[in-house]
């Protein structure tokens, strides 16, 4: 497993967003081998009055490899409007 924890604050027009990409283990007991399964996930949350709105995900995607997750994290930072409507 490759540990991954990327966090960036992104400004789009007059709004701020947290772009977060992490690695995490899957814990579903009903699939063989899930104890060792790792997925990578990118999520985007709006920041309002310096508070991250964790309860309202704007973008969410999972990946099978860290390279996929890192690439999309970078793509979101470069062109956020292609991934979510600000």
Protein backbone atom coordinates (compact mmCIF):
# COMPACT_ATOMS: atom_id res chain seq x y z
CA UNK A 1 0.00 0.00 0.00
CA UNK A 2 1.24 3.43 -0.87
CA UNK A 3 0.17 5.99 1.72
CA UNK A 4 -1.28 9.04 0.10
CA UNK A 5 -2.58 12.23 1.65
CA UNK A 6 -2.80 15.27 -0.58
CA UNK A 7 -4.64 18.39 0.59
CA UNK A 8 -4.94 21.66 -1.30
CA UNK A 9 -7.10 24.74 -0.88
CA UNK A 10 -8.28 25.97 -4.25
CA UNK A 11 -9.80 29.35 -5.07
CA UNK A 12 -12.28 29.52 -7.94
CA UNK A 13 -13.81 32.91 -8.59
CA UNK A 14 -14.91 34.06 -5.12
CA UNK A 15 -15.18 30.58 -3.55
CA UNK A 16 -12.71 28.31 -1.78
CA UNK A 17 -12.56 24.52 -1.92
CA UNK A 18 -10.60 21.76 -0.21
CA UNK A 19 -9.28 19.15 -2.63
CA UNK A 20 -8.37 16.00 -0.69
CA UNK A 21 -6.88 12.77 -2.03
CA UNK A 22 -6.18 9.90 0.37
CA UNK A 23 -5.46 6.19 0.48
CA UNK A 24 -7.75 3.98 2.53
CA UNK A 25 -8.34 0.33 3.24
CA UNK A 26 -11.64 -1.27 2.34
CA UNK A 27 -13.24 -3.15 5.19
CA UNK A 28 -15.98 -5.24 3.63
CA UNK A 29 -15.93 -8.68 5.21
CA UNK A 30 -18.06 -10.26 2.49
CA UNK A 31 -15.32 -10.12 -0.19
CA UNK A 32 -12.25 -12.35 -0.02
CA UNK A 33 -9.03 -10.39 0.24
CA UNK A 34 -10.64 -7.11 1.23
CA UNK A 35 -8.50 -6.89 4.34
CA UNK A 36 -5.61 -6.06 2.02
CA UNK A 37 -7.55 -4.00 -0.55
CA UNK A 38 -6.65 -0.32 -0.79
CA UNK A 39 -8.42 2.33 -2.79
CA UNK A 40 -7.53 5.93 -3.39
CA UNK A 41 -10.17 8.62 -3.18
CA UNK A 42 -10.38 12.26 -4.17
CA UNK A 43 -13.06 14.49 -2.69
CA UNK A 44 -13.78 18.19 -3.05
CA UNK A 45 -15.58 20.23 -0.39
CA UNK A 46 -16.53 23.89 -0.35
CA UNK A 47 -15.05 26.09 2.38
CA UNK A 48 -17.50 28.65 3.78
CA UNK A 49 -16.40 31.14 6.45
CA UNK A 50 -13.19 29.13 7.01
CA UNK A 51 -15.21 25.94 7.69
CA UNK A 52 -14.87 22.92 5.41
CA UNK A 53 -18.33 21.66 4.46
CA UNK A 54 -17.56 17.95 4.93
CA UNK A 55 -21.28 17.08 4.92
CA UNK A 56 -21.66 18.32 1.33
CA UNK A 57 -19.30 16.62 -1.11
CA UNK A 58 -18.98 18.48 -4.41
CA UNK A 59 -16.82 15.86 -6.16
CA UNK A 60 -15.98 12.27 -5.23
CA UNK A 61 -14.03 9.66 -7.20
CA UNK A 62 -12.19 6.45 -6.30
CA UNK A 63 -9.17 4.99 -8.07
CA UNK A 64 -7.38 1.65 -8.07
CA UNK A 65 -3.85 3.05 -8.16
CA UNK A 66 -2.11 5.96 -6.46
CA UNK A 67 -0.86 7.22 -9.83
CA UNK A 68 -4.44 7.61 -11.10
CA UNK A 69 -5.42 9.48 -7.94
CA UNK A 70 -2.41 11.80 -8.04
CA UNK A 71 -2.99 12.57 -11.73
CA UNK A 72 -6.64 13.48 -11.23
CA UNK A 73 -5.87 15.51 -8.09
CA UNK A 74 -3.44 17.56 -10.17
CA UNK A 75 -5.92 17.87 -13.03
CA UNK A 76 -8.57 19.22 -10.64
CA UNK A 77 -6.13 21.85 -9.38
CA UNK A 78 -5.32 22.92 -12.96
CA UNK A 79 -8.88 22.97 -14.30
CA UNK A 80 -11.47 22.66 -11.51
CA UNK A 81 -14.42 23.70 -13.67
CA UNK A 82 -13.92 20.55 -15.75
CA UNK A 83 -14.66 18.45 -12.64
CA UNK A 84 -17.23 20.39 -10.68
CA UNK A 85 -19.33 23.51 -11.06
CA UNK A 86 -18.03 26.24 -8.82
